[in-house]
C-alpha atoms as a PDB file:
ATOM      1  CA  MET A   1     133.798 134.501  98.344  1.00  0.00           C
ATOM      2  CA  ILE A   2     130.202 135.036  97.173  1.00  0.00           C
ATOM      3  CA  VAL A   3     130.964 133.007  94.041  1.00  0.00           C
ATOM      4  CA  ARG A   4     132.192 130.076  96.175  1.00  0.00           C
ATOM      5  CA  TYR A   5     128.996 130.072  98.241  1.00  0.00           C
ATOM      6  CA  GLY A   6     126.933 130.274  95.087  1.00  0.00           C
ATOM      7  CA  LEU A   7     128.794 127.299  93.623  1.00  0.00           C
ATOM      8  CA  LEU A   8     128.396 125.351  96.874  1.00  0.00           C
ATOM      9  CA  LEU A   9     124.658 125.993  96.918  1.00  0.00           C
ATOM     10  CA  ALA A  10     124.368 124.980  93.273  1.00  0.00           C
ATOM     11  CA  ALA A  11     126.340 121.783  93.926  1.00  0.00           C
ATOM     12  CA  LEU A  12     124.130 120.902  96.892  1.00  0.00           C
ATOM     13  CA  ALA A  13     120.967 121.593  94.926  1.00  0.00           C
ATOM     14  CA  PHE A  14     121.994 119.646  91.814  1.00  0.00           C
ATOM     15  CA  PRO A  15     121.497 116.121  93.252  1.00  0.00           C
ATOM     16  CA  ALA A  16     117.979 117.082  94.312  1.00  0.00           C
ATOM     17  CA  LEU A  17     117.262 118.384  90.817  1.00  0.00           C
ATOM     18  CA  ALA A  18     118.603 115.179  89.287  1.00  0.00           C
ATOM     19  CA  ARG A  19     116.118 113.155  91.362  1.00  0.00           C
ATOM     20  CA  ALA A  20     113.168 115.506  90.902  1.00  0.00           C
ATOM     21  CA  GLN A  21     110.101 113.836  89.487  1.00  0.00           C
ATOM     22  CA  THR A  22     108.334 114.959  86.384  1.00  0.00           C
ATOM     23  CA  ALA A  23     104.674 115.730  85.914  1.00  0.00           C
ATOM     24  CA  ALA A  24     104.562 112.510  83.873  1.00  0.00           C
ATOM     25  CA  ASP A  25     105.749 110.524  86.919  1.00  0.00           C
ATOM     26  CA  SER A  26     103.099 112.107  89.145  1.00  0.00           C
ATOM     27  CA  SER A  27     100.449 111.397  86.521  1.00  0.00           C
ATOM     28  CA  ALA A  28     101.581 107.778  86.138  1.00  0.00           C
ATOM     29  CA  ILE A  29     101.608 107.247  89.919  1.00  0.00           C
ATOM     30  CA  HIS A  30      98.075 108.658  90.178  1.00  0.00           C
ATOM     31  CA  ALA A  31      96.955 106.460  87.257  1.00  0.00           C
ATOM     32  CA  THR A  32      98.423 103.377  88.966  1.00  0.00           C
ATOM     33  CA  ALA A  33      96.510 104.148  92.171  1.00  0.00           C
ATOM     34  CA  LEU A  34      93.316 104.754  90.152  1.00  0.00           C
ATOM     35  CA  ASP A  35      93.742 101.425  88.331  1.00  0.00           C
ATOM     36  CA  TYR A  36      93.960  99.755  91.749  1.00  0.00           C
ATOM     37  CA  VAL A  37      90.945 101.543  93.264  1.00  0.00           C
ATOM     38  CA  GLU A  38      88.674 101.570  90.217  1.00  0.00           C
ATOM     39  CA  GLY A  39      89.769  98.086  89.191  1.00  0.00           C
ATOM     40  CA  TRP A  40      88.468  96.897  92.558  1.00  0.00           C
ATOM     41  CA  TYR A  41      85.145  98.745  92.358  1.00  0.00           C
ATOM     42  CA  GLU A  42      84.547  97.848  88.693  1.00  0.00           C
ATOM     43  CA  GLY A  43      85.507  94.196  89.082  1.00  0.00           C
ATOM     44  CA  ASN A  44      88.177  94.815  86.438  1.00  0.00           C
ATOM     45  CA  ALA A  45      90.925  92.243  86.947  1.00  0.00           C
ATOM     46  CA  GLU A  46      92.943  93.676  84.045  1.00  0.00           C
ATOM     47  CA  ARG A  47      93.205  97.107  85.691  1.00  0.00           C
ATOM     48  CA  MET A  48      94.036  95.591  89.081  1.00  0.00           C
ATOM     49  CA  SER A  49      96.690  93.367  87.519  1.00  0.00           C
ATOM     50  CA  ARG A  50      98.213  96.343  85.696  1.00  0.00           C
ATOM     51  CA  ALA A  51      98.429  98.283  88.995  1.00  0.00           C
ATOM     52  CA  VAL A  52     100.141  95.672  91.155  1.00  0.00           C
ATOM     53  CA  HIS A  53     103.540  94.012  90.982  1.00  0.00           C
ATOM     54  CA  PRO A  54     103.298  90.186  90.996  1.00  0.00           C
ATOM     55  CA  GLU A  55     105.201  90.108  94.322  1.00  0.00           C
ATOM     56  CA  LEU A  56     102.921  92.649  96.029  1.00  0.00           C
ATOM     57  CA  VAL A  57     101.917  92.002  99.612  1.00  0.00           C
ATOM     58  CA  LYS A  58      98.902  93.728 101.200  1.00  0.00           C
ATOM     59  CA  ARG A  59      98.863  93.677 105.010  1.00  0.00           C
ATOM     60  CA  ILE A  60      96.546  94.626 107.855  1.00  0.00           C
ATOM     61  CA  VAL A  61      97.085  94.424 111.618  1.00  0.00           C
ATOM     62  CA  VAL A  62      94.173  92.652 113.345  1.00  0.00           C
ATOM     63  CA  SER A  63      93.497  91.269 116.789  1.00  0.00           C
ATOM     64  CA  ASP A  64      93.614  87.495 117.178  1.00  0.00           C
ATOM     65  CA  THR A  65      90.326  86.640 118.902  1.00  0.00           C
ATOM     66  CA  ALA A  66      91.849  83.674 120.745  1.00  0.00           C
ATOM     67  CA  THR A  67      95.050  85.279 122.050  1.00  0.00           C
ATOM     68  CA  LYS A  68      93.993  88.959 121.997  1.00  0.00           C
ATOM     69  CA  HIS A  69      97.406  89.735 120.436  1.00  0.00           C
ATOM     70  CA  SER A  70      97.938  91.723 117.284  1.00  0.00           C
ATOM     71  CA  VAL A  71      98.720  89.685 114.196  1.00  0.00           C
ATOM     72  CA  ILE A  72      99.443  90.635 110.628  1.00  0.00           C
ATOM     73  CA  GLN A  73      97.197  89.227 107.914  1.00  0.00           C
ATOM     74  CA  SER A  74      98.593  89.268 104.394  1.00  0.00           C
ATOM     75  CA  MET A  75      97.347  88.743 100.872  1.00  0.00           C
ATOM     76  CA  GLY A  76      99.223  88.778  97.601  1.00  0.00           C
ATOM     77  CA  ALA A  77      98.671  90.134  94.126  1.00  0.00           C
ATOM     78  CA  THR A  78      96.851  86.986  93.007  1.00  0.00           C
ATOM     79  CA  ALA A  79      94.246  87.344  95.766  1.00  0.00           C
ATOM     80  CA  LEU A  80      93.640  91.000  94.878  1.00  0.00           C
ATOM     81  CA  VAL A  81      93.301  90.308  91.172  1.00  0.00           C
ATOM     82  CA  ASN A  82      90.996  87.343  91.819  1.00  0.00           C
ATOM     83  CA  GLY A  83      88.900  89.432  94.235  1.00  0.00           C
ATOM     84  CA  ALA A  84      88.466  92.058  91.532  1.00  0.00           C
ATOM     85  CA  ARG A  85      87.652  89.351  88.957  1.00  0.00           C
ATOM     86  CA  ARG A  86      84.960  87.953  91.277  1.00  0.00           C
ATOM     87  CA  GLY A  87      83.426  91.414  91.508  1.00  0.00           C
ATOM     88  CA  TRP A  88      83.711  91.815  95.285  1.00  0.00           C
ATOM     89  CA  GLY A  89      84.267  95.552  94.867  1.00  0.00           C
ATOM     90  CA  LYS A  90      81.037  95.835  92.868  1.00  0.00           C
ATOM     91  CA  GLU A  91      79.175  95.083  96.105  1.00  0.00           C
ATOM     92  CA  THR A  92      79.921  98.668  97.172  1.00  0.00           C
ATOM     93  CA  PRO A  93      77.066 100.848  95.875  1.00  0.00           C
ATOM     94  CA  ALA A  94      78.214 103.411  93.284  1.00  0.00           C
ATOM     95  CA  GLU A  95      77.291 106.342  95.527  1.00  0.00           C
ATOM     96  CA  ARG A  96      79.624 105.007  98.266  1.00  0.00           C
ATOM     97  CA  ARG A  97      82.626 104.337  96.004  1.00  0.00           C
ATOM     98  CA  GLN A  98      85.054 106.786  97.507  1.00  0.00           C
ATOM     99  CA  LYS A  99      88.357 107.029  95.669  1.00  0.00           C
ATOM    100  CA  ASP A 100      90.406 109.859  97.120  1.00  0.00           C
ATOM    101  CA  ILE A 101      94.029 109.530  96.061  1.00  0.00           C
ATOM    102  CA  THR A 102      96.822 111.618  97.574  1.00  0.00           C
ATOM    103  CA  ILE A 103     100.466 111.312  96.575  1.00  0.00           C
ATOM    104  CA  LEU A 104     102.289 111.730  99.882  1.00  0.00           C
ATOM    105  CA  ASP A 105     105.873 111.612  98.621  1.00  0.00           C
ATOM    106  CA  ILE A 106     107.981 110.787  95.581  1.00  0.00           C
ATOM    107  CA  PHE A 107     111.716 110.221  95.661  1.00  0.00           C
ATOM    108  CA  GLY A 108     113.661 108.595  92.851  1.00  0.00           C
ATOM    109  CA  ASN A 109     111.881 105.369  91.949  1.00  0.00           C
ATOM    110  CA  ALA A 110     109.730 105.273  95.092  1.00  0.00           C
ATOM    111  CA  ALA A 111     106.387 106.849  95.918  1.00  0.00           C
ATOM    112  CA  SER A 112     104.010 106.741  98.854  1.00  0.00           C
ATOM    113  CA  VAL A 113     100.291 107.179  98.160  1.00  0.00           C
ATOM    114  CA  LYS A 114      97.192 107.294 100.368  1.00  0.00           C
ATOM    115  CA  ALA A 115      94.001 105.873  98.851  1.00  0.00           C
ATOM    116  CA  VAL A 116      90.798 106.492 100.812  1.00  0.00           C
ATOM    117  CA  MET A 117      88.082 104.075  99.763  1.00  0.00           C
ATOM    118  CA  ALA A 118      84.545 103.406 100.989  1.00  0.00           C
ATOM    119  CA  ASP A 119      85.381 101.115 103.904  1.00  0.00           C
ATOM    120  CA  TRP A 120      89.142 101.353 104.332  1.00  0.00           C
ATOM    121  CA  ILE A 121      92.277 103.386 103.802  1.00  0.00           C
ATOM    122  CA  ASP A 122      95.227 101.951 101.879  1.00  0.00           C
ATOM    123  CA  TYR A 123      98.788 103.239 102.130  1.00  0.00           C
ATOM    124  CA  LEU A 124     100.413 102.240  98.856  1.00  0.00           C
ATOM    125  CA  GLN A 125     104.137 101.917  98.255  1.00  0.00           C
ATOM    126  CA  ILE A 126     104.665 102.320  94.544  1.00  0.00           C
ATOM    127  CA  ALA A 127     107.940 101.666  92.714  1.00  0.00           C
ATOM    128  CA  LYS A 128     109.104 102.512  89.220  1.00  0.00           C
ATOM    129  CA  ILE A 129     110.217  99.175  87.795  1.00  0.00           C
ATOM    130  CA  ASP A 130     111.475  98.937  84.223  1.00  0.00           C
ATOM    131  CA  GLY A 131     109.988 102.361  83.527  1.00  0.00           C
ATOM    132  CA  ARG A 132     106.511 101.558  84.911  1.00  0.00           C
ATOM    133  CA  TRP A 133     105.014 102.542  88.266  1.00  0.00           C
ATOM    134  CA  VAL A 134     103.498  99.546  90.119  1.00  0.00           C
ATOM    135  CA  ILE A 135     102.268  98.929  93.664  1.00  0.00           C
ATOM    136  CA  VAL A 136     104.652  96.704  95.629  1.00  0.00           C
ATOM    137  CA  ASN A 137     103.253  97.001  99.169  1.00  0.00           C
ATOM    138  CA  VAL A 138      99.983  98.021 100.787  1.00  0.00           C
ATOM    139  CA  LEU A 139      99.307  98.614 104.481  1.00  0.00           C
ATOM    140  CA  TRP A 140      95.616  99.114 105.118  1.00  0.00           C
ATOM    141  CA  GLU A 141      93.141  99.791 107.877  1.00  0.00           C
ATOM    142  CA  ARG A 142      89.364  99.496 108.020  1.00  0.00           C
ATOM    143  CA  LYS A 143      87.354 102.631 108.721  1.00  0.00           C
ATOM    144  CA  PRO A 144      85.358 102.569 111.967  1.00  0.00           C
ATOM    145  CA  GLY A 145      81.963 100.951 111.413  1.00  0.00           C
ATOM    146  CA  SER A 146      82.920  99.445 108.062  1.00  0.00           C
ATOM    147  CA  LYS A 147      81.897  95.971 106.973  1.00  0.00           C
ATOM    148  CA  GLY A 148      84.219  92.970 107.505  1.00  0.00           C
END
């Protein structure tokens, strides 16, 4: 009887072990988020491009000034890469360049990451595609009192 329960527990645990992430995955996810954050601050379009999937969408919920209703504003990978290339992130003084990265969850080929930056917080959805971790979605919010 004890052997049966032991086998049942082992069988239930095995799928979780098969999906468990490695230290290399965690490191690669963190590196992807750092490429995104530091690519922005450094004006490094190559790092930003490496971090994001070409079909990425970054969204924020804002209030429409005319209707007073919430609307979703979106930008794609091209806009992010071009913003980095133009050096918009360099406008943030070095002493304010916050880049706190927290991996919230990893399961299979999906990860959720929180990136706290100087003026906003990004929630990154990162996927492992063809063996490489890339950002596919971002939902973000401005910090109170932050610039535009």
